[in-house]
N, C-alpha and C. Protein backbone atom coordinates (compact mmCIF):
# COMPACT_ATOMS: atom_id res chain seq x y z
N MET A 1 70.47 120.97 79.82
CA MET A 1 71.32 119.23 79.42
C MET A 1 73.01 119.32 79.39
N SER A 2 73.71 120.44 79.54
CA SER A 2 74.74 120.58 80.43
C SER A 2 75.15 120.79 81.89
N GLU A 3 73.69 120.71 82.00
CA GLU A 3 73.64 121.25 83.68
C GLU A 3 73.65 119.56 84.15
N ILE A 4 73.08 118.44 83.47
CA ILE A 4 73.37 117.19 84.11
C ILE A 4 74.21 116.33 83.73
N LEU A 5 75.37 116.87 82.61
CA LEU A 5 76.07 116.91 82.53
C LEU A 5 77.36 116.67 83.60
N VAL A 6 77.27 117.56 83.80
CA VAL A 6 77.69 118.20 84.74
C VAL A 6 78.13 117.86 86.23
N GLN A 7 76.60 117.44 86.75
CA GLN A 7 76.18 116.94 87.81
C GLN A 7 77.07 115.89 87.87
N SER A 8 76.63 114.66 86.75
CA SER A 8 76.65 113.64 86.79
C SER A 8 78.32 113.21 86.04
N SER A 9 79.49 114.12 86.41
CA SER A 9 80.24 114.32 86.00
C SER A 9 80.86 114.27 87.40
N ILE A 10 80.09 115.24 88.28
CA ILE A 10 81.22 115.03 89.34
C ILE A 10 80.95 114.42 89.99
N LEU A 11 79.45 113.33 90.26
CA LEU A 11 79.05 112.67 90.97
C LEU A 11 80.21 111.30 90.77
N LEU A 12 80.64 110.49 89.12
CA LEU A 12 81.68 109.52 88.72
C LEU A 12 82.55 109.62 89.17
N LEU A 13 82.43 111.43 89.38
CA LEU A 13 84.14 111.49 90.02
C LEU A 13 84.81 111.22 91.78
N ILE A 14 83.70 111.49 92.58
CA ILE A 14 83.48 111.13 93.86
C ILE A 14 83.14 109.63 93.63
N LEU A 15 82.84 109.13 93.12
CA LEU A 15 82.71 107.85 93.46
C LEU A 15 83.83 106.75 92.89
N ALA A 16 84.39 107.52 91.99
CA ALA A 16 85.72 106.92 91.79
C ALA A 16 86.58 107.34 92.31
N CYS A 17 86.49 108.56 93.38
CA CYS A 17 87.00 108.85 94.71
C CYS A 17 87.18 107.21 95.63
N ILE A 18 86.20 107.12 95.94
CA ILE A 18 86.09 106.17 97.03
C ILE A 18 86.59 104.65 96.37
N PHE A 19 86.00 104.17 94.63
CA PHE A 19 86.52 103.05 94.51
C PHE A 19 88.02 102.95 94.57
N GLY A 20 88.49 104.21 94.25
CA GLY A 20 89.74 104.35 94.36
C GLY A 20 90.24 103.51 96.00
N PHE A 21 90.01 104.20 96.43
CA PHE A 21 89.79 104.03 98.41
C PHE A 21 89.87 102.73 98.47
N PHE A 22 89.00 101.91 98.14
CA PHE A 22 88.51 100.85 97.91
C PHE A 22 89.55 99.00 97.60
N THR A 23 90.20 100.32 96.16
CA THR A 23 90.72 99.17 95.27
C THR A 23 92.45 99.86 96.68
N ALA A 24 92.51 100.55 97.08
CA ALA A 24 94.36 100.98 97.59
C ALA A 24 93.71 99.90 98.96
N TYR A 25 92.74 99.27 99.67
CA TYR A 25 92.27 98.56 100.41
C TYR A 25 92.52 97.56 100.59
N GLU A 26 91.52 97.10 99.45
CA GLU A 26 91.92 95.97 99.60
C GLU A 26 93.10 95.47 98.66
N ALA A 27 93.58 95.95 98.37
CA ALA A 27 94.83 96.00 97.68
C ALA A 27 96.03 96.13 98.69
N CYS A 28 95.84 96.29 99.94
CA CYS A 28 96.88 96.46 100.69
C CYS A 28 96.25 95.08 102.00
N ALA A 29 94.73 94.92 102.12
CA ALA A 29 94.15 94.17 103.20
C ALA A 29 94.52 92.83 102.57
N ASN A 30 94.41 92.35 101.33
CA ASN A 30 95.12 91.18 100.90
C ASN A 30 96.29 91.08 101.04
N ASP A 31 97.32 92.12 100.74
CA ASP A 31 98.69 91.90 100.72
C ASP A 31 98.81 91.24 102.07
N VAL A 32 98.35 91.86 103.68
CA VAL A 32 98.17 91.50 104.67
C VAL A 32 97.93 90.13 105.13
N ALA A 33 96.89 89.46 104.34
CA ALA A 33 96.59 88.49 104.13
C ALA A 33 97.07 87.31 103.55
N ASN A 34 98.00 87.41 103.27
CA ASN A 34 98.94 86.08 102.75
C ASN A 34 99.87 86.60 103.43
N ALA A 35 100.54 87.71 104.61
CA ALA A 35 101.27 87.88 105.51
C ALA A 35 101.13 87.32 106.45
N ILE A 36 100.32 87.47 106.69
CA ILE A 36 99.50 86.72 108.66
C ILE A 36 99.14 84.92 108.39
N GLY A 37 98.57 84.88 107.26
CA GLY A 37 97.82 83.33 107.64
C GLY A 37 99.24 82.61 107.28
N PRO A 38 100.46 82.54 106.90
CA PRO A 38 101.19 81.55 106.87
C PRO A 38 102.00 81.67 108.60
N LEU A 39 102.14 83.15 109.58
CA LEU A 39 102.75 83.73 110.42
C LEU A 39 101.70 82.72 111.98
N ALA A 40 100.42 82.54 111.13
CA ALA A 40 99.68 82.29 112.52
C ALA A 40 100.20 80.63 111.97
N ALA A 41 100.21 80.19 110.80
CA ALA A 41 100.22 78.76 110.86
C ALA A 41 102.00 78.44 111.64
N VAL A 42 103.11 79.26 111.19
CA VAL A 42 104.28 78.91 112.01
C VAL A 42 103.63 78.57 113.78
N ASN A 43 103.40 80.05 113.77
CA ASN A 43 103.30 80.03 115.04
C ASN A 43 102.38 79.36 116.03
N GLY A 44 101.63 78.56 115.28
CA GLY A 44 100.78 77.63 116.11
C GLY A 44 101.48 75.75 115.73
N VAL A 45 102.52 76.00 114.83
CA VAL A 45 103.21 74.56 114.29
C VAL A 45 104.38 74.97 116.04
N VAL A 46 104.96 76.20 116.23
CA VAL A 46 105.64 76.40 117.47
C VAL A 46 104.87 76.11 118.50
N GLN A 47 103.58 76.56 118.79
CA GLN A 47 103.31 76.18 120.30
C GLN A 47 102.92 74.71 120.60
N LYS A 48 102.76 74.38 119.17
CA LYS A 48 102.34 72.61 120.09
C LYS A 48 103.36 72.00 119.34
N SER A 49 104.76 72.71 119.74
CA SER A 49 105.80 72.00 120.19
C SER A 49 106.46 70.88 119.01
N GLY A 50 105.86 71.84 117.77
CA GLY A 50 106.28 70.85 116.05
C GLY A 50 105.17 70.63 115.43
N VAL A 51 104.40 70.15 116.08
CA VAL A 51 103.43 69.17 115.16
C VAL A 51 102.23 70.70 114.40
N PHE A 52 101.65 69.91 113.62
CA PHE A 52 101.18 70.61 112.79
C PHE A 52 99.79 70.27 112.84
N THR A 53 98.85 71.06 112.90
CA THR A 53 97.26 71.36 112.59
C THR A 53 96.71 71.77 112.19
N VAL A 54 95.71 71.53 111.18
CA VAL A 54 94.96 71.81 110.42
C VAL A 54 94.38 73.20 110.42
N GLN A 55 94.04 73.45 111.14
CA GLN A 55 93.60 74.60 111.96
C GLN A 55 94.51 75.59 112.80
N SER A 56 95.29 76.36 112.15
CA SER A 56 95.90 76.87 114.03
C SER A 56 95.34 78.20 113.90
N GLU A 57 95.01 78.00 115.38
CA GLU A 57 95.00 79.59 116.12
C GLU A 57 95.36 80.80 115.98
N LEU A 58 94.33 82.16 115.83
CA LEU A 58 94.44 83.51 115.40
C LEU A 58 94.80 84.19 116.29
N LEU A 59 95.62 83.96 116.86
CA LEU A 59 96.01 85.46 118.16
C LEU A 59 95.22 86.67 118.33
N LEU A 60 95.23 87.25 118.88
CA LEU A 60 94.88 88.56 119.05
C LEU A 60 95.93 89.39 118.13
N TRP A 61 97.19 89.74 118.68
CA TRP A 61 98.83 89.72 118.23
C TRP A 61 98.88 89.70 117.06
N ILE A 62 98.80 88.80 116.48
CA ILE A 62 99.07 88.49 115.43
C ILE A 62 97.28 89.49 114.56
N LEU A 63 96.29 89.36 114.85
CA LEU A 63 95.46 90.74 114.18
C LEU A 63 95.58 91.65 114.53
N LEU A 64 96.47 92.03 115.09
CA LEU A 64 96.89 93.40 115.08
C LEU A 64 97.86 93.79 114.62
N LEU A 65 98.48 93.06 114.51
CA LEU A 65 99.48 92.78 113.44
C LEU A 65 99.61 93.69 112.30
N GLY A 66 98.85 92.49 111.68
CA GLY A 66 98.21 92.23 110.59
C GLY A 66 97.17 93.70 110.59
N GLY A 67 96.33 94.32 111.21
CA GLY A 67 95.88 95.31 111.36
C GLY A 67 96.67 97.06 111.07
N GLY A 68 97.82 97.09 111.90
CA GLY A 68 99.07 97.66 111.82
C GLY A 68 99.79 98.03 110.53
N GLY A 69 99.80 96.54 110.06
CA GLY A 69 100.31 96.79 108.08
C GLY A 69 99.38 97.11 107.76
N ILE A 70 97.94 97.05 108.25
CA ILE A 70 97.22 97.95 106.22
C ILE A 70 97.15 98.75 107.38
N VAL A 71 96.74 100.13 107.98
CA VAL A 71 96.99 101.13 108.60
C VAL A 71 98.59 101.59 108.21
N VAL A 72 99.66 101.18 108.08
CA VAL A 72 100.68 101.77 107.88
C VAL A 72 100.35 101.29 106.41
N ARG A 73 100.33 100.64 105.63
CA ARG A 73 100.29 100.63 104.29
C ARG A 73 99.56 101.32 103.58
N LEU A 74 98.14 101.52 103.69
CA LEU A 74 97.10 102.59 103.80
C LEU A 74 97.80 103.93 103.78
N SER A 75 98.94 104.14 104.43
CA SER A 75 99.13 105.40 104.97
C SER A 75 100.02 106.41 104.43
N THR A 76 101.12 104.79 104.19
CA THR A 76 102.23 105.35 103.10
C THR A 76 101.97 105.34 101.52
N LEU A 77 101.65 104.28 101.32
CA LEU A 77 101.57 103.99 100.23
C LEU A 77 100.47 104.14 99.32
N GLY A 78 98.57 103.80 100.09
CA GLY A 78 97.64 104.34 99.48
C GLY A 78 97.35 105.21 98.45
N TYR A 79 97.51 106.96 98.86
CA TYR A 79 98.42 107.66 97.33
C TYR A 79 98.38 107.19 96.29
N ARG A 80 99.76 106.07 96.38
CA ARG A 80 100.19 105.53 95.30
C ARG A 80 98.58 105.02 93.83
N VAL A 81 98.58 104.24 94.76
CA VAL A 81 97.26 103.00 94.56
C VAL A 81 96.57 104.47 93.55
N ILE A 82 96.02 104.83 94.03
CA ILE A 82 94.50 106.04 93.31
C ILE A 82 95.54 106.97 92.52
N ALA A 83 96.90 107.47 92.49
CA ALA A 83 97.50 107.97 91.72
C ALA A 83 97.37 107.70 90.49
N THR A 84 98.13 106.19 90.64
CA THR A 84 98.11 105.48 89.57
C THR A 84 97.20 105.30 88.99
N PHE A 85 95.93 104.75 89.74
CA PHE A 85 94.68 104.45 88.83
C PHE A 85 93.90 106.26 87.65
N GLY A 86 94.74 106.92 88.44
CA GLY A 86 93.85 108.04 88.65
C GLY A 86 94.10 108.88 87.24
N ARG A 87 96.09 108.60 87.19
CA ARG A 87 96.55 109.66 86.62
C ARG A 87 97.55 108.70 85.73
N ASN A 88 98.14 107.80 85.76
CA ASN A 88 99.29 107.80 85.36
C ASN A 88 98.99 106.84 84.47
N ILE A 89 98.26 105.74 84.54
CA ILE A 89 98.06 104.49 83.59
C ILE A 89 97.49 105.45 81.96
N THR A 90 96.58 106.79 82.74
CA THR A 90 95.53 107.17 81.31
C THR A 90 94.84 108.01 81.58
N GLU A 91 94.55 109.01 80.98
CA GLU A 91 93.72 109.87 81.56
C GLU A 91 91.72 109.41 80.82
N LEU A 92 91.30 109.75 81.53
CA LEU A 92 90.57 109.24 81.62
C LEU A 92 89.23 109.95 82.12
N ALA A 93 88.14 110.13 81.19
CA ALA A 93 86.84 110.51 81.80
C ALA A 93 86.42 109.91 82.86
N PRO A 94 85.36 110.89 84.27
CA PRO A 94 84.98 110.47 85.20
C PRO A 94 84.00 108.85 84.83
N SER A 95 83.21 108.02 83.16
CA SER A 95 82.35 107.44 83.65
C SER A 95 83.29 106.18 83.34
N ARG A 96 84.82 106.84 82.95
CA ARG A 96 85.57 105.52 82.71
C ARG A 96 86.64 105.46 83.84
N GLY A 97 86.71 106.25 84.42
CA GLY A 97 87.49 105.99 85.95
C GLY A 97 86.95 105.53 86.53
N CYS A 98 85.14 106.11 86.91
CA CYS A 98 84.73 105.02 87.82
C CYS A 98 84.90 103.30 87.37
N THR A 99 84.54 103.36 86.08
CA THR A 99 84.46 101.38 86.02
C THR A 99 85.22 101.23 85.98
N ALA A 100 87.02 102.05 85.78
CA ALA A 100 88.13 101.38 86.40
C ALA A 100 88.56 101.36 87.56
N GLU A 101 88.13 101.90 88.37
CA GLU A 101 88.54 102.00 90.02
C GLU A 101 87.04 100.77 89.90
N LEU A 102 86.12 100.67 89.82
CA LEU A 102 85.02 99.40 90.61
C LEU A 102 85.29 98.20 89.77
N VAL A 103 85.77 98.46 89.06
CA VAL A 103 85.91 96.12 88.48
C VAL A 103 86.96 95.38 89.09
N PRO A 104 88.31 95.92 88.96
CA PRO A 104 89.52 95.18 90.31
C PRO A 104 89.18 95.42 91.56
N ALA A 105 88.84 96.38 92.29
CA ALA A 105 88.62 96.42 93.91
C ALA A 105 87.18 95.14 93.89
N THR A 106 86.09 94.97 92.77
CA THR A 106 84.94 93.98 93.42
C THR A 106 85.46 92.74 92.90
N THR A 107 86.43 92.79 91.65
CA THR A 107 87.19 91.25 91.20
C THR A 107 87.74 90.20 92.62
N VAL A 108 88.56 91.33 93.45
CA VAL A 108 89.06 90.55 94.56
C VAL A 108 88.68 90.90 95.33
N VAL A 109 87.15 91.44 96.40
CA VAL A 109 86.51 91.26 96.92
C VAL A 109 85.43 90.19 96.81
N ILE A 110 85.34 89.62 95.58
CA ILE A 110 84.76 88.51 95.16
C ILE A 110 85.41 87.29 95.48
N ALA A 111 86.59 87.68 95.18
CA ALA A 111 87.79 86.09 95.05
C ALA A 111 88.07 85.92 95.94
N SER A 112 88.16 87.04 96.58
CA SER A 112 88.67 86.18 98.29
C SER A 112 88.25 86.28 99.10
């Protein structure tokens, strides 16, 4: 019976790490999307000589800027999001840690 608990704890620990990565990714992707949306709208107004359109064109350089923002944020601050969930809030058992990582990631992905 003890071997099954050890194996399940290892599996849940691996899943918690994977969910932690997704939490860090979705947090920075959401922030980048919130940043490049207004940038695309302003760029559309500038390109149309001050005329606001309902839907602005999303240019490649804006997408690359947003992708670069995701890379920079994940490589510089992503570890802090995972560490905060894993250590700084409270010590959690692997099963509870897995749930604590899964719920916010799923909520933001579904709500976005």
